[in-house]
N, C-alpha and C. Protein backbone atom coordinates (compact mmCIF):
# COMPACT_ATOMS: atom_id res chain seq x y z
N MET A 1 0.85 -1.18 0.00
CA MET A 1 0.00 0.00 0.00
C MET A 1 0.88 1.24 0.00
N ASP A 2 0.49 2.22 -0.79
CA ASP A 2 1.22 3.49 -0.87
C ASP A 2 0.96 4.28 0.40
N PRO A 3 2.03 4.65 1.15
CA PRO A 3 1.82 5.38 2.40
C PRO A 3 1.46 6.85 2.20
N THR A 4 1.50 7.35 0.95
CA THR A 4 1.18 8.75 0.69
C THR A 4 -0.32 8.91 0.52
N PRO A 5 -0.96 9.72 1.39
CA PRO A 5 -2.41 9.92 1.25
C PRO A 5 -2.74 10.68 -0.03
N THR A 6 -3.87 10.35 -0.61
CA THR A 6 -4.38 11.02 -1.79
C THR A 6 -5.66 11.76 -1.41
N PRO A 7 -5.75 13.07 -1.70
CA PRO A 7 -6.97 13.80 -1.38
C PRO A 7 -8.17 13.22 -2.13
N ILE A 8 -9.31 13.22 -1.48
CA ILE A 8 -10.56 12.74 -2.08
C ILE A 8 -11.54 13.90 -2.04
N ASP A 9 -12.10 14.25 -3.18
CA ASP A 9 -13.07 15.32 -3.28
C ASP A 9 -14.43 14.78 -2.86
N LEU A 10 -14.82 15.05 -1.61
CA LEU A 10 -16.10 14.53 -1.12
C LEU A 10 -17.30 15.22 -1.76
N GLY A 11 -17.06 16.27 -2.54
CA GLY A 11 -18.14 16.87 -3.30
C GLY A 11 -18.50 16.03 -4.51
N ALA A 12 -17.59 15.15 -4.93
CA ALA A 12 -17.82 14.33 -6.11
C ALA A 12 -17.77 12.83 -5.83
N ASP A 13 -17.01 12.43 -4.84
CA ASP A 13 -16.79 11.02 -4.54
C ASP A 13 -17.12 10.73 -3.07
N PHE A 14 -16.88 9.50 -2.66
CA PHE A 14 -17.17 9.07 -1.30
C PHE A 14 -15.97 8.31 -0.75
N VAL A 15 -16.02 8.02 0.54
CA VAL A 15 -15.02 7.17 1.17
C VAL A 15 -15.76 5.99 1.79
N GLY A 16 -15.26 4.80 1.55
CA GLY A 16 -15.81 3.59 2.16
C GLY A 16 -14.90 3.13 3.27
N ILE A 17 -15.48 2.88 4.43
CA ILE A 17 -14.72 2.39 5.59
C ILE A 17 -15.28 1.03 5.94
N GLY A 18 -14.48 -0.01 5.73
CA GLY A 18 -14.93 -1.36 6.03
C GLY A 18 -15.03 -1.59 7.53
N TRP A 19 -15.76 -2.62 7.90
CA TRP A 19 -15.92 -2.94 9.33
C TRP A 19 -14.57 -3.27 9.96
N ASP A 20 -13.56 -3.61 9.13
CA ASP A 20 -12.21 -3.89 9.65
C ASP A 20 -11.39 -2.62 9.83
N GLY A 21 -11.97 -1.44 9.48
CA GLY A 21 -11.28 -0.17 9.64
C GLY A 21 -10.53 0.30 8.41
N THR A 22 -10.52 -0.48 7.34
CA THR A 22 -9.82 -0.11 6.12
C THR A 22 -10.66 0.89 5.33
N ALA A 23 -10.04 2.01 4.93
CA ALA A 23 -10.74 3.04 4.16
C ALA A 23 -10.25 3.04 2.72
N ARG A 24 -11.18 3.33 1.80
CA ARG A 24 -10.83 3.40 0.38
C ARG A 24 -11.75 4.39 -0.32
N PRO A 25 -11.25 5.02 -1.39
CA PRO A 25 -12.12 5.91 -2.15
C PRO A 25 -13.20 5.13 -2.89
N LEU A 26 -14.38 5.73 -3.03
CA LEU A 26 -15.48 5.17 -3.81
C LEU A 26 -15.89 6.24 -4.81
N GLU A 27 -16.01 5.86 -6.06
CA GLU A 27 -16.32 6.83 -7.09
C GLU A 27 -17.78 7.24 -7.08
N GLY A 28 -18.01 8.55 -7.27
CA GLY A 28 -19.31 9.10 -7.51
C GLY A 28 -19.42 9.33 -9.00
N PRO A 29 -20.28 10.12 -9.52
CA PRO A 29 -21.34 10.81 -8.80
C PRO A 29 -22.55 9.90 -8.63
N GLY A 30 -23.59 10.48 -8.11
CA GLY A 30 -24.81 9.71 -7.94
C GLY A 30 -25.05 9.39 -6.49
N PRO A 31 -26.02 8.52 -6.25
CA PRO A 31 -26.31 8.14 -4.87
C PRO A 31 -25.12 7.44 -4.25
N PRO A 32 -24.93 7.58 -2.95
CA PRO A 32 -23.81 6.92 -2.29
C PRO A 32 -23.89 5.41 -2.47
N PRO A 33 -22.75 4.78 -2.78
CA PRO A 33 -22.77 3.32 -2.91
C PRO A 33 -23.03 2.66 -1.57
N ARG A 34 -23.67 1.52 -1.58
CA ARG A 34 -23.95 0.76 -0.36
C ARG A 34 -22.86 -0.30 -0.23
N ILE A 35 -22.05 -0.18 0.80
CA ILE A 35 -20.96 -1.12 1.02
C ILE A 35 -21.16 -1.84 2.35
N ASP A 36 -20.40 -2.89 2.56
CA ASP A 36 -20.42 -3.61 3.82
C ASP A 36 -19.48 -2.88 4.77
N GLY A 37 -19.98 -1.79 5.33
CA GLY A 37 -19.20 -0.90 6.19
C GLY A 37 -19.87 0.46 6.22
N ILE A 38 -19.07 1.50 6.35
CA ILE A 38 -19.56 2.88 6.45
C ILE A 38 -19.23 3.62 5.16
N THR A 39 -20.22 4.32 4.60
CA THR A 39 -19.97 5.22 3.49
C THR A 39 -19.97 6.64 4.03
N ALA A 40 -18.89 7.38 3.76
CA ALA A 40 -18.77 8.78 4.19
C ALA A 40 -18.82 9.67 2.96
N GLY A 41 -19.53 10.79 3.09
CA GLY A 41 -19.61 11.72 1.98
C GLY A 41 -20.28 13.01 2.42
N THR A 42 -20.55 13.85 1.44
CA THR A 42 -21.25 15.11 1.71
C THR A 42 -22.45 15.24 0.80
N TRP A 43 -23.38 16.02 1.24
CA TRP A 43 -24.59 16.32 0.48
C TRP A 43 -24.82 17.82 0.59
N ILE A 44 -24.72 18.52 -0.53
CA ILE A 44 -25.01 19.95 -0.58
C ILE A 44 -26.30 20.09 -1.36
N THR A 45 -27.31 20.70 -0.72
CA THR A 45 -28.63 20.68 -1.34
C THR A 45 -29.49 21.88 -0.93
N ASP A 46 -30.41 22.21 -1.83
CA ASP A 46 -31.43 23.22 -1.54
C ASP A 46 -32.76 22.56 -1.17
N GLY A 47 -32.85 21.24 -1.39
CA GLY A 47 -34.13 20.57 -1.17
C GLY A 47 -33.97 19.28 -0.39
N SER A 48 -35.06 18.80 0.12
CA SER A 48 -35.07 17.57 0.91
C SER A 48 -34.84 16.36 0.01
N ALA A 49 -34.56 15.22 0.63
CA ALA A 49 -34.31 13.98 -0.11
C ALA A 49 -35.53 13.62 -0.96
N PRO A 50 -35.31 12.94 -2.10
CA PRO A 50 -36.41 12.62 -3.01
C PRO A 50 -37.17 11.36 -2.62
N HIS A 51 -37.23 11.08 -1.33
CA HIS A 51 -37.97 9.89 -0.87
C HIS A 51 -38.72 10.25 0.41
N GLY A 52 -39.59 9.37 0.85
CA GLY A 52 -40.42 9.61 2.02
C GLY A 52 -39.81 9.11 3.32
N GLY A 53 -38.56 8.78 3.30
CA GLY A 53 -37.86 8.31 4.48
C GLY A 53 -36.92 7.17 4.13
N GLU A 54 -35.99 6.91 5.02
CA GLU A 54 -35.04 5.82 4.84
C GLU A 54 -34.69 5.23 6.19
N ARG A 55 -34.08 4.04 6.15
CA ARG A 55 -33.59 3.44 7.39
C ARG A 55 -32.39 2.57 7.05
N HIS A 56 -31.53 2.40 8.05
CA HIS A 56 -30.30 1.63 7.91
C HIS A 56 -30.28 0.58 9.01
N ASP A 57 -30.29 -0.68 8.61
CA ASP A 57 -30.38 -1.77 9.59
C ASP A 57 -29.03 -2.29 10.05
N ASP A 58 -27.92 -1.79 9.48
CA ASP A 58 -26.60 -2.29 9.86
C ASP A 58 -25.91 -1.47 10.94
N GLY A 59 -26.47 -0.33 11.32
CA GLY A 59 -25.85 0.49 12.36
C GLY A 59 -26.46 1.87 12.39
N ASP A 60 -25.97 2.68 13.31
CA ASP A 60 -26.41 4.07 13.45
C ASP A 60 -25.83 4.91 12.31
N GLU A 61 -26.58 5.92 11.88
CA GLU A 61 -26.09 6.87 10.89
C GLU A 61 -25.78 8.18 11.61
N VAL A 62 -24.68 8.83 11.21
CA VAL A 62 -24.31 10.13 11.78
C VAL A 62 -24.46 11.17 10.68
N LEU A 63 -25.20 12.23 11.00
CA LEU A 63 -25.40 13.36 10.09
C LEU A 63 -24.84 14.61 10.75
N VAL A 64 -23.88 15.27 10.09
CA VAL A 64 -23.23 16.47 10.63
C VAL A 64 -23.58 17.63 9.72
N LEU A 65 -24.16 18.69 10.28
CA LEU A 65 -24.50 19.86 9.48
C LEU A 65 -23.33 20.83 9.48
N VAL A 66 -22.77 21.08 8.30
CA VAL A 66 -21.66 22.01 8.15
C VAL A 66 -22.20 23.43 8.02
N SER A 67 -23.23 23.60 7.20
CA SER A 67 -23.86 24.91 7.02
C SER A 67 -25.32 24.71 6.64
N GLY A 68 -26.11 25.77 6.85
CA GLY A 68 -27.52 25.72 6.50
C GLY A 68 -28.41 25.45 7.68
N ALA A 69 -29.57 24.88 7.40
CA ALA A 69 -30.55 24.57 8.45
C ALA A 69 -31.39 23.38 7.99
N VAL A 70 -31.45 22.34 8.82
CA VAL A 70 -32.25 21.16 8.52
C VAL A 70 -33.00 20.72 9.76
N THR A 71 -34.04 19.94 9.53
CA THR A 71 -34.75 19.24 10.59
C THR A 71 -34.69 17.77 10.25
N VAL A 72 -34.24 16.96 11.19
CA VAL A 72 -34.23 15.51 11.01
C VAL A 72 -35.46 14.97 11.72
N VAL A 73 -36.31 14.27 10.98
CA VAL A 73 -37.54 13.70 11.52
C VAL A 73 -37.31 12.21 11.72
N LEU A 74 -37.38 11.77 12.98
CA LEU A 74 -37.20 10.37 13.35
C LEU A 74 -38.57 9.78 13.68
N GLU A 75 -38.85 8.61 13.15
CA GLU A 75 -40.12 7.94 13.42
C GLU A 75 -39.87 6.81 14.42
N THR A 76 -40.12 7.11 15.68
CA THR A 76 -39.88 6.15 16.75
C THR A 76 -41.19 5.48 17.16
N ASP A 77 -41.10 4.51 18.04
CA ASP A 77 -42.31 3.84 18.55
C ASP A 77 -43.22 4.83 19.27
N ALA A 78 -42.64 5.90 19.81
CA ALA A 78 -43.42 6.90 20.52
C ALA A 78 -44.03 7.94 19.59
N GLY A 79 -43.71 7.86 18.29
CA GLY A 79 -44.22 8.82 17.31
C GLY A 79 -43.09 9.58 16.65
N ALA A 80 -43.44 10.56 15.83
CA ALA A 80 -42.44 11.34 15.11
C ALA A 80 -41.76 12.32 16.06
N GLU A 81 -40.45 12.39 15.94
CA GLU A 81 -39.65 13.34 16.73
C GLU A 81 -38.84 14.18 15.76
N SER A 82 -38.98 15.51 15.85
CA SER A 82 -38.24 16.41 14.98
C SER A 82 -37.08 17.03 15.73
N VAL A 83 -35.91 17.02 15.09
CA VAL A 83 -34.70 17.58 15.69
C VAL A 83 -34.16 18.65 14.75
N ASP A 84 -34.21 19.91 15.19
CA ASP A 84 -33.62 20.99 14.40
C ASP A 84 -32.12 20.96 14.60
N VAL A 85 -31.38 21.02 13.50
CA VAL A 85 -29.93 20.93 13.56
C VAL A 85 -29.34 22.24 13.04
N THR A 86 -28.35 22.75 13.76
CA THR A 86 -27.66 23.97 13.38
C THR A 86 -26.22 23.64 13.00
N PRO A 87 -25.57 24.50 12.24
CA PRO A 87 -24.21 24.22 11.79
C PRO A 87 -23.26 23.88 12.95
N GLY A 88 -22.45 22.86 12.70
CA GLY A 88 -21.50 22.40 13.71
C GLY A 88 -22.05 21.33 14.63
N HIS A 89 -23.33 21.00 14.47
CA HIS A 89 -23.95 19.97 15.30
C HIS A 89 -24.24 18.72 14.48
N ALA A 90 -24.41 17.62 15.19
CA ALA A 90 -24.65 16.33 14.56
C ALA A 90 -25.87 15.67 15.18
N VAL A 91 -26.45 14.75 14.41
CA VAL A 91 -27.54 13.91 14.90
C VAL A 91 -27.14 12.47 14.64
N VAL A 92 -27.34 11.63 15.65
CA VAL A 92 -27.13 10.20 15.48
C VAL A 92 -28.50 9.57 15.27
N VAL A 93 -28.70 8.96 14.12
CA VAL A 93 -29.95 8.29 13.81
C VAL A 93 -29.76 6.82 14.19
N PRO A 94 -30.52 6.33 15.17
CA PRO A 94 -30.32 4.95 15.61
C PRO A 94 -30.61 3.92 14.52
N ARG A 95 -29.93 2.83 14.61
CA ARG A 95 -30.10 1.70 13.70
C ARG A 95 -31.58 1.33 13.55
N GLY A 96 -32.01 1.17 12.30
CA GLY A 96 -33.37 0.69 12.02
C GLY A 96 -34.48 1.71 12.17
N VAL A 97 -34.17 2.97 12.49
CA VAL A 97 -35.21 3.99 12.67
C VAL A 97 -35.46 4.70 11.35
N TRP A 98 -36.72 4.72 10.94
CA TRP A 98 -37.09 5.48 9.74
C TRP A 98 -36.85 6.95 10.02
N HIS A 99 -36.28 7.64 9.04
CA HIS A 99 -35.98 9.06 9.22
C HIS A 99 -35.93 9.76 7.86
N ARG A 100 -36.03 11.08 7.93
CA ARG A 100 -35.88 11.89 6.73
C ARG A 100 -35.30 13.24 7.14
N VAL A 101 -34.62 13.86 6.20
CA VAL A 101 -34.01 15.16 6.43
C VAL A 101 -34.83 16.20 5.67
N VAL A 102 -35.36 17.18 6.40
CA VAL A 102 -36.11 18.27 5.80
C VAL A 102 -35.17 19.48 5.75
N VAL A 103 -34.87 19.91 4.53
CA VAL A 103 -33.94 21.02 4.34
C VAL A 103 -34.72 22.33 4.42
N ARG A 104 -34.32 23.20 5.38
CA ARG A 104 -35.01 24.47 5.57
C ARG A 104 -34.31 25.62 4.86
N GLN A 105 -33.03 25.48 4.59
CA GLN A 105 -32.28 26.42 3.76
C GLN A 105 -31.08 25.66 3.20
N ARG A 106 -30.50 26.18 2.12
CA ARG A 106 -29.38 25.48 1.47
C ARG A 106 -28.42 24.95 2.53
N SER A 107 -28.11 23.67 2.44
CA SER A 107 -27.35 23.01 3.51
C SER A 107 -26.22 22.15 2.95
N HIS A 108 -25.19 22.03 3.76
CA HIS A 108 -24.05 21.15 3.49
C HIS A 108 -23.99 20.16 4.65
N ILE A 109 -24.22 18.89 4.33
CA ILE A 109 -24.30 17.83 5.34
C ILE A 109 -23.20 16.81 5.08
N VAL A 110 -22.50 16.40 6.12
CA VAL A 110 -21.57 15.28 6.05
C VAL A 110 -22.29 14.08 6.64
N PHE A 111 -22.23 12.94 5.95
CA PHE A 111 -22.91 11.75 6.45
C PHE A 111 -21.94 10.59 6.60
N LEU A 112 -22.20 9.77 7.60
CA LEU A 112 -21.51 8.50 7.83
C LEU A 112 -22.62 7.47 7.92
N THR A 113 -22.79 6.71 6.82
CA THR A 113 -23.94 5.83 6.67
C THR A 113 -23.52 4.37 6.67
N PRO A 114 -24.09 3.55 7.57
CA PRO A 114 -23.74 2.13 7.60
C PRO A 114 -24.44 1.36 6.48
N GLY A 115 -23.85 0.26 6.09
CA GLY A 115 -24.45 -0.54 5.04
C GLY A 115 -23.97 -1.97 5.10
N PRO A 116 -24.45 -2.79 4.22
CA PRO A 116 -25.15 -2.41 3.00
C PRO A 116 -26.67 -2.34 3.10
N ALA A 117 -27.30 -2.85 4.19
CA ALA A 117 -28.76 -2.86 4.28
C ALA A 117 -29.29 -1.43 4.29
N PHE A 118 -30.29 -1.19 3.44
CA PHE A 118 -30.81 0.16 3.25
C PHE A 118 -32.21 0.04 2.68
N ALA A 119 -33.12 0.84 3.16
CA ALA A 119 -34.48 0.84 2.64
C ALA A 119 -34.98 2.27 2.52
N THR A 120 -35.78 2.54 1.50
CA THR A 120 -36.43 3.85 1.35
C THR A 120 -37.91 3.65 1.09
N ARG A 121 -38.67 4.71 1.34
CA ARG A 121 -40.10 4.72 1.03
C ARG A 121 -40.34 5.78 -0.04
N PRO A 122 -41.36 5.59 -0.87
CA PRO A 122 -41.67 6.63 -1.86
C PRO A 122 -42.10 7.92 -1.18
N ALA A 123 -41.87 9.01 -1.88
CA ALA A 123 -42.25 10.34 -1.35
C ALA A 123 -43.75 10.50 -1.32
């Protein structure tokens, strides 16, 4: 393995982190690839996700807001819970919980998403 790190443009590509801790670049563009491990990337957007919710059964997802304003809606057994997120803060979405990100203003989000199990609902 080459010991010299290579920069990865997270605006265009992703990073895959295997359960063994090994990281490798993953080519974009498009939806993040589903790997057996963690997919790391960024999402810069003016609008909410094009689905009615998603869930990850392989682990917790971490969403970090770099800029903008979003609300993360979690659908728990107790009902829907909305969490307003401000820049510099993160939300941990528990394994298996349906959730969606509502974008309130142009936002830059860093995500760490477990996989490969993934489900979405239509909008």
